[in-house]
Protein backbone atom coordinates (compact mmCIF):
# COMPACT_ATOMS: atom_id res chain seq x y z
CA MET A 1 73.63 108.17 96.62
CA GLU A 2 71.42 105.34 97.79
CA SER A 3 71.67 103.53 94.46
CA ALA A 4 75.46 103.83 94.57
CA LEU A 5 75.53 102.32 98.03
CA SER A 6 73.25 99.53 96.83
CA ARG A 7 75.71 98.67 94.07
CA ILE A 8 78.57 98.66 96.57
CA ARG A 9 76.61 96.37 98.88
CA SER A 10 75.88 94.04 95.98
CA CYS A 11 79.63 93.43 95.62
CA THR A 12 79.64 91.77 99.03
CA ASN A 13 77.71 88.68 99.94
CA VAL A 14 77.43 89.22 103.66
CA ALA A 15 77.56 92.18 106.03
CA GLU A 16 80.63 92.50 108.19
CA SER A 17 78.52 92.56 111.33
CA GLU A 18 77.03 89.19 110.36
CA VAL A 19 80.44 87.49 110.07
CA PRO A 20 81.82 86.25 113.41
CA LEU A 21 85.46 86.98 114.11
CA PRO A 22 87.76 83.99 113.59
CA PRO A 23 88.60 82.29 116.88
CA ALA A 24 92.08 82.17 118.35
CA HIS A 25 92.76 78.71 116.89
CA ASN A 26 93.34 77.83 113.23
CA ILE A 27 90.36 77.51 110.93
CA ALA A 28 90.47 77.26 107.13
CA TYR A 29 88.76 80.11 105.32
CA SER A 30 88.08 80.13 101.58
CA MET A 31 89.47 82.93 99.42
CA SER A 32 85.97 83.82 98.21
CA ALA A 33 82.48 84.00 99.66
CA GLU A 34 81.29 82.08 96.58
CA LYS A 35 82.91 78.86 97.84
CA ASP A 36 86.12 79.27 95.90
CA ARG A 37 88.19 76.29 96.99
CA THR A 38 91.46 78.26 97.21
CA GLU A 39 91.94 78.23 100.99
CA VAL A 40 94.24 80.07 103.36
CA ARG A 41 94.63 79.38 107.06
CA MET A 42 94.79 82.44 109.28
CA THR A 43 93.51 83.36 112.72
CA ARG A 44 92.35 86.77 113.86
CA VAL A 45 95.54 87.10 115.93
CA GLN A 46 97.70 86.32 112.90
CA ALA A 47 95.69 88.77 110.77
CA ASN A 48 96.17 91.55 113.30
CA MET A 49 99.91 90.81 113.36
CA LEU A 50 99.99 91.30 109.58
CA LEU A 51 98.29 94.67 110.06
CA LEU A 52 100.82 95.53 112.76
CA LEU A 53 103.64 94.68 110.34
CA ALA A 54 102.03 96.90 107.70
CA GLY A 55 101.99 99.76 110.21
CA ALA A 56 105.68 99.14 110.96
CA ILE A 57 106.60 99.32 107.26
CA TRP A 58 104.60 102.55 106.84
CA GLY A 59 106.36 104.02 109.86
CA MET A 60 109.77 103.13 108.40
CA GLY A 61 108.84 104.62 105.03
CA PHE A 62 107.81 108.03 106.36
CA VAL A 63 111.32 109.50 106.09
CA ALA A 64 111.76 108.19 102.54
CA GLN A 65 108.39 109.62 101.57
CA SER A 66 109.12 113.12 102.89
CA THR A 67 112.63 113.15 101.37
CA ALA A 68 111.34 112.30 97.90
CA MET A 69 108.73 115.06 98.09
CA ALA A 70 111.53 117.62 98.34
CA SER A 71 112.56 116.87 94.74
CA ILE A 72 109.50 115.85 92.72
CA GLY A 73 105.80 116.75 92.67
CA PRO A 74 103.17 114.79 94.61
CA PHE A 75 101.29 113.42 91.59
CA LEU A 76 104.43 112.15 89.88
CA PHE A 77 105.71 110.64 93.13
CA ILE A 78 102.41 108.87 93.82
CA GLY A 79 102.08 107.72 90.20
CA ILE A 80 105.55 106.15 90.01
CA ARG A 81 105.26 104.71 93.52
CA SER A 82 101.91 103.10 92.72
CA ALA A 83 103.15 101.75 89.37
CA ILE A 84 106.09 100.05 91.09
CA ALA A 85 103.72 98.65 93.73
CA SER A 86 101.38 97.23 91.08
CA LEU A 87 104.26 95.54 89.25
CA THR A 88 105.60 94.20 92.56
CA VAL A 89 102.43 92.28 93.42
CA LEU A 90 101.42 91.40 89.83
CA PRO A 91 103.11 87.94 89.75
CA TRP A 92 101.36 86.94 92.98
CA ALA A 93 98.06 88.30 91.72
CA VAL A 94 98.38 86.19 88.55
CA ALA A 95 99.23 83.10 90.60
CA GLU A 96 96.28 83.78 92.90
CA GLY A 97 93.98 84.03 89.88
CA ARG A 98 95.23 80.75 88.42
CA ARG A 99 94.52 78.91 91.68
CA ALA A 100 91.03 80.34 91.96
CA LYS A 101 88.12 78.26 90.67
CA ILE A 102 85.78 81.20 90.11
CA ALA A 103 86.63 84.18 87.91
CA LEU A 104 86.15 87.69 89.22
CA ARG A 105 83.18 89.60 87.86
CA ARG A 106 83.32 93.01 86.23
CA SER A 107 81.65 94.48 89.32
CA ASP A 108 84.52 93.13 91.44
CA TYR A 109 87.11 94.94 89.31
CA LEU A 110 85.04 98.14 89.35
CA PHE A 111 84.84 97.92 93.13
CA PHE A 112 88.63 97.45 93.32
CA MET A 113 89.05 100.56 91.16
CA VAL A 114 86.84 102.56 93.54
CA ILE A 115 89.12 101.45 96.38
CA GLY A 116 92.13 102.51 94.28
CA LEU A 117 90.64 105.97 93.77
CA SER A 118 90.06 106.28 97.53
CA LEU A 119 93.70 105.34 98.09
CA PHE A 120 94.88 107.82 95.45
CA ILE A 121 92.83 110.75 96.79
CA GLY A 122 93.97 110.02 100.34
CA LEU A 123 97.62 109.95 99.24
CA VAL A 124 97.29 113.17 97.22
CA LEU A 125 95.57 115.16 99.96
CA GLN A 126 98.11 114.01 102.52
CA GLN A 127 101.10 114.80 100.29
CA ILE A 128 99.86 118.26 99.27
CA GLY A 129 98.81 119.02 102.83
CA LEU A 130 102.35 118.32 104.07
CA ILE A 131 103.57 121.28 102.02
CA THR A 132 101.72 123.83 104.18
CA THR A 133 101.33 122.12 107.54
CA SER A 134 103.64 120.83 110.22
CA VAL A 135 104.60 117.18 110.51
CA THR A 136 103.12 117.20 114.03
CA ASN A 137 99.72 118.35 112.80
CA ALA A 138 99.79 115.99 109.82
CA GLY A 139 100.65 112.99 111.97
CA PHE A 140 97.81 113.62 114.39
CA LEU A 141 95.18 114.63 111.83
CA THR A 142 95.90 111.59 109.65
CA GLY A 143 95.29 109.47 112.74
CA LEU A 144 91.69 110.69 112.77
CA TYR A 145 90.87 107.82 110.40
CA VAL A 146 91.05 105.49 113.42
CA VAL A 147 87.79 107.04 114.66
CA MET A 148 86.36 107.62 111.16
CA VAL A 149 86.49 103.92 110.17
CA PRO A 150 83.84 102.63 112.62
CA VAL A 151 81.73 105.75 111.96
CA LEU A 152 81.81 105.20 108.18
CA GLY A 153 81.05 101.52 108.71
CA VAL A 154 77.86 102.45 110.54
CA ILE A 155 76.86 105.16 108.03
CA LEU A 156 77.60 103.28 104.79
CA PHE A 157 76.93 99.66 105.68
CA ARG A 158 75.11 99.75 109.04
CA THR A 159 77.80 97.54 110.59
CA TRP A 160 78.31 98.07 114.31
CA PRO A 161 81.75 97.19 115.72
CA HIS A 162 82.42 95.44 119.01
CA PRO A 163 81.78 97.87 121.92
CA VAL A 164 85.47 97.85 122.88
CA VAL A 165 86.38 99.49 119.55
CA TRP A 166 84.99 102.92 120.47
CA PRO A 167 87.06 103.54 123.65
CA SER A 168 90.06 101.84 122.03
CA ALA A 169 89.85 104.15 119.01
CA ALA A 170 89.65 107.18 121.31
CA ALA A 171 92.65 105.94 123.32
CA CYS A 172 94.60 105.33 120.12
CA LEU A 173 93.82 108.83 118.86
CA ALA A 174 94.89 110.31 122.20
CA GLY A 175 98.10 108.28 121.98
CA ILE A 176 98.87 109.64 118.52
CA PHE A 177 98.25 113.17 119.82
CA LEU A 178 100.68 112.70 122.72
CA LEU A 179 103.23 111.02 120.46
CA SER A 180 103.04 114.09 118.20
CA GLY A 181 104.09 116.25 121.14
CA GLY A 182 100.73 116.97 122.75
CA THR A 183 100.33 120.30 120.96
CA LEU A 184 98.88 121.52 117.68
CA THR A 185 99.88 124.70 115.86
CA ALA A 186 97.16 126.89 114.34
CA LEU A 187 95.22 125.01 111.68
CA LYS A 188 96.08 125.97 108.10
CA GLN A 189 94.78 125.03 104.67
CA GLY A 190 97.16 122.07 104.66
CA ASP A 191 95.52 120.76 107.83
CA LEU A 192 92.13 120.71 106.13
CA LEU A 193 93.64 118.77 103.22
CA VAL A 194 95.15 116.23 105.62
CA ILE A 195 91.79 115.82 107.37
CA GLY A 196 90.19 115.24 103.97
CA GLY A 197 92.87 112.66 103.26
CA ALA A 198 92.04 110.90 106.53
CA VAL A 199 88.42 110.57 105.38
CA PHE A 200 89.54 108.77 102.22
CA TRP A 201 92.01 106.61 104.17
CA ALA A 202 89.10 105.56 106.38
CA LEU A 203 86.92 104.91 103.32
CA GLN A 204 89.65 102.76 101.80
CA VAL A 205 89.90 100.65 104.97
CA VAL A 206 86.12 100.18 105.14
CA LEU A 207 85.79 99.28 101.45
CA ILE A 208 88.64 96.76 101.63
CA GLY A 209 86.86 95.15 104.55
CA LYS A 210 83.77 94.70 102.39
CA ALA A 211 85.56 93.66 99.17
CA ASN A 212 87.57 90.99 100.95
CA ARG A 213 84.42 89.04 101.78
CA ALA A 214 83.91 88.20 98.12
CA ALA A 215 87.23 88.49 96.29
CA ARG A 216 90.97 87.87 96.26
CA PRO A 217 93.14 90.25 98.33
CA ILE A 218 96.32 90.25 96.21
CA THR A 219 94.35 90.94 93.04
CA LEU A 220 92.59 93.73 94.92
CA SER A 221 95.95 95.26 95.84
CA CYS A 222 97.26 95.03 92.28
CA VAL A 223 94.17 96.73 90.82
CA GLN A 224 94.08 99.51 93.42
CA PHE A 225 97.76 100.28 92.81
CA ALA A 226 97.26 100.29 89.03
CA THR A 227 94.31 102.67 89.41
CA SER A 228 96.34 105.01 91.61
CA ALA A 229 99.28 104.84 89.17
CA VAL A 230 97.19 105.73 86.12
CA ALA A 231 95.50 108.62 87.93
CA GLY A 232 98.76 109.97 89.35
CA LEU A 233 100.77 109.79 86.13
CA ALA A 234 97.92 111.22 84.04
CA ILE A 235 97.53 114.27 86.30
CA ALA A 236 101.31 114.68 86.67
CA SER A 237 101.70 114.85 82.89
CA MET A 238 99.32 117.82 82.84
CA VAL A 239 100.24 119.86 85.92
CA GLU A 240 103.80 118.92 86.91
CA ASP A 241 107.26 119.08 85.38
CA LEU A 242 108.43 115.57 84.48
CA ASN A 243 112.02 116.10 85.62
CA TRP A 244 113.92 112.88 84.99
CA THR A 245 116.99 114.21 86.81
CA ALA A 246 114.93 114.70 89.98
CA ILE A 247 113.47 111.22 89.58
CA ALA A 248 116.97 109.76 89.25
CA LEU A 249 118.08 111.56 92.41
CA THR A 250 115.21 110.11 94.45
CA TRP A 251 115.13 106.60 92.99
CA LYS A 252 115.99 104.97 96.33
CA GLU A 253 113.07 106.65 98.11
CA ILE A 254 110.68 105.90 95.25
CA LEU A 255 111.79 102.25 95.11
CA PHE A 256 111.40 101.76 98.86
CA THR A 257 107.96 103.36 99.06
CA GLY A 258 106.83 101.57 95.90
CA VAL A 259 107.98 98.06 96.83
CA PHE A 260 107.64 98.07 100.61
CA SER A 261 105.42 100.94 101.80
CA SER A 262 102.90 100.32 99.01
CA GLY A 263 103.41 96.90 97.42
CA VAL A 264 104.12 94.90 100.56
CA ALA A 265 102.37 96.90 103.30
CA PHE A 266 99.07 97.54 101.50
CA THR A 267 98.92 93.89 100.40
CA LEU A 268 99.44 92.81 104.01
CA GLN A 269 96.56 95.13 104.87
CA ALA A 270 94.30 93.56 102.24
CA ILE A 271 95.13 90.03 103.39
CA GLY A 272 94.89 90.79 107.09
CA GLN A 273 91.53 92.53 106.79
CA ARG A 274 89.95 89.31 105.50
CA TYR A 275 90.08 87.88 109.02
CA THR A 276 89.30 90.86 111.24
CA THR A 277 86.90 93.79 111.23
CA SER A 278 87.65 97.13 109.60
CA ALA A 279 87.38 98.95 112.93
CA GLN A 280 89.95 96.67 114.59
CA ALA A 281 92.18 96.88 111.51
CA ALA A 282 92.26 100.68 111.74
CA ILE A 283 93.59 100.54 115.30
CA PHE A 284 96.41 98.14 114.38
CA LEU A 285 97.27 100.13 111.25
CA ALA A 286 97.53 103.25 113.42
CA SER A 287 100.66 101.69 114.90
CA GLU A 288 102.35 103.54 112.01
CA ALA A 289 102.74 106.53 114.35
CA LEU A 290 104.34 104.39 117.03
CA PHE A 291 106.82 102.81 114.62
CA ALA A 292 107.58 106.15 112.96
CA ALA A 293 108.74 107.44 116.35
CA LEU A 294 110.72 104.25 116.99
CA PHE A 295 112.55 104.29 113.66
CA GLY A 296 113.08 108.03 113.93
CA ALA A 297 114.88 107.44 117.21
CA LEU A 298 116.91 104.52 115.83
CA PHE A 299 117.98 105.93 112.47
CA LEU A 300 117.63 109.72 112.74
CA GLY A 301 118.65 110.29 116.35
CA GLU A 302 115.26 111.77 117.24
CA ARG A 303 114.19 111.58 120.89
CA VAL A 304 110.79 110.54 122.18
CA THR A 305 109.67 112.69 125.11
CA PHE A 306 108.09 111.33 128.27
CA ILE A 307 104.65 112.42 127.07
CA GLY A 308 105.41 110.64 123.80
CA LEU A 309 106.14 107.43 125.70
CA ILE A 310 102.74 107.76 127.37
CA GLY A 311 101.24 108.07 123.90
CA CYS A 312 103.03 104.90 122.81
CA GLY A 313 101.58 103.15 125.83
CA LEU A 314 98.06 104.28 124.95
CA ILE A 315 98.40 103.03 121.36
CA PHE A 316 99.76 99.68 122.55
CA SER A 317 97.00 99.39 125.16
CA ALA A 318 94.35 100.09 122.52
CA MET A 319 95.73 97.31 120.30
CA MET A 320 95.80 94.85 123.19
CA ALA A 321 92.25 95.80 124.19
CA VAL A 322 90.72 95.10 120.78
CA GLU A 323 92.70 91.85 120.58
CA LEU A 324 92.04 90.39 124.03
CA ILE A 325 88.73 91.76 125.31
CA PRO A 326 86.57 90.18 122.54
CA MET A 327 88.17 86.80 123.31
CA PHE A 328 87.36 86.99 127.03
CA TRP A 329 83.96 88.54 126.25
CA LYS A 330 82.90 85.34 124.45
CA ARG A 331 84.44 83.08 127.09
CA LYS A 332 82.63 84.76 130.00
CA PRO A 333 80.86 81.93 131.87
CA ALA A 334 77.17 82.08 132.56
CA LEU A 335 76.08 82.69 136.15
CA ALA A 336 75.01 79.61 138.07
CA PRO A 337 71.25 79.44 138.66
CA ALA A 338 70.08 80.37 142.13
CA GLU A 339 69.03 77.45 144.29
């Protein structure tokens, strides 16, 4: 285990805790820790807004995802969805590679594949878990990754987040619970699968945070999608019925989740995480629950209860806390010396 962690650490040139957060004004950051001259300008605020947009897209795609699952198996759905996502970002990944001055190493690609496997396992456990658990339970239990991300960061890489992250993560988790209705039915086998999926979601967020210090985010997204696609289609060919009629009936859902929920949203996540910490990223990505409730009300006629509105307020407050408190923390003036 220790040797595996050592190899993972070798893929990154600097620990997350040693990299100061970008300030609120524009600064140019290189695309690689090895002084690759391909530069992108982005502030921490802008990065967090990208993560917020990713959460919004995931929230919008929840209905499409659940509808498609009624017709085809989880492995086939994930495989096709991931293949479409990989093809969606491939042109931008190629362009990113052509602009780069330093080629990626084999260890970089292997690390991206590990991230892709984490993504795939998280997707599979969540999808299969939804078969035997309620949407309320699944929504809350998936949100556990908000707390798991800083914990895994400490365990795997000994990176300690800003102190405000811990209470903000707890507030965000409480908000998701209230938004889910404030109640949980009896835990079933599906709930345990969803919790397991949350662990791998958290691992994926943490690993992307480390990989982004030394590599290109769009290429990372393309490789992780390709890995998930190969794994999903390979398993589907062995354990599921490849029903082309069912695929044709759900092509709209598959296309939306492949292009937007996966291709666009996960790439926004990979780009945004280059300029913020994994722990802060998890809180902004958890806005998925907030946007799922919003789009459910707009497009499906669902109603958000008063306790759900309180949950929305907690999630929003958590995002504002991790965004604003670190800024004022650094600006706090020193006390004047006593005369």
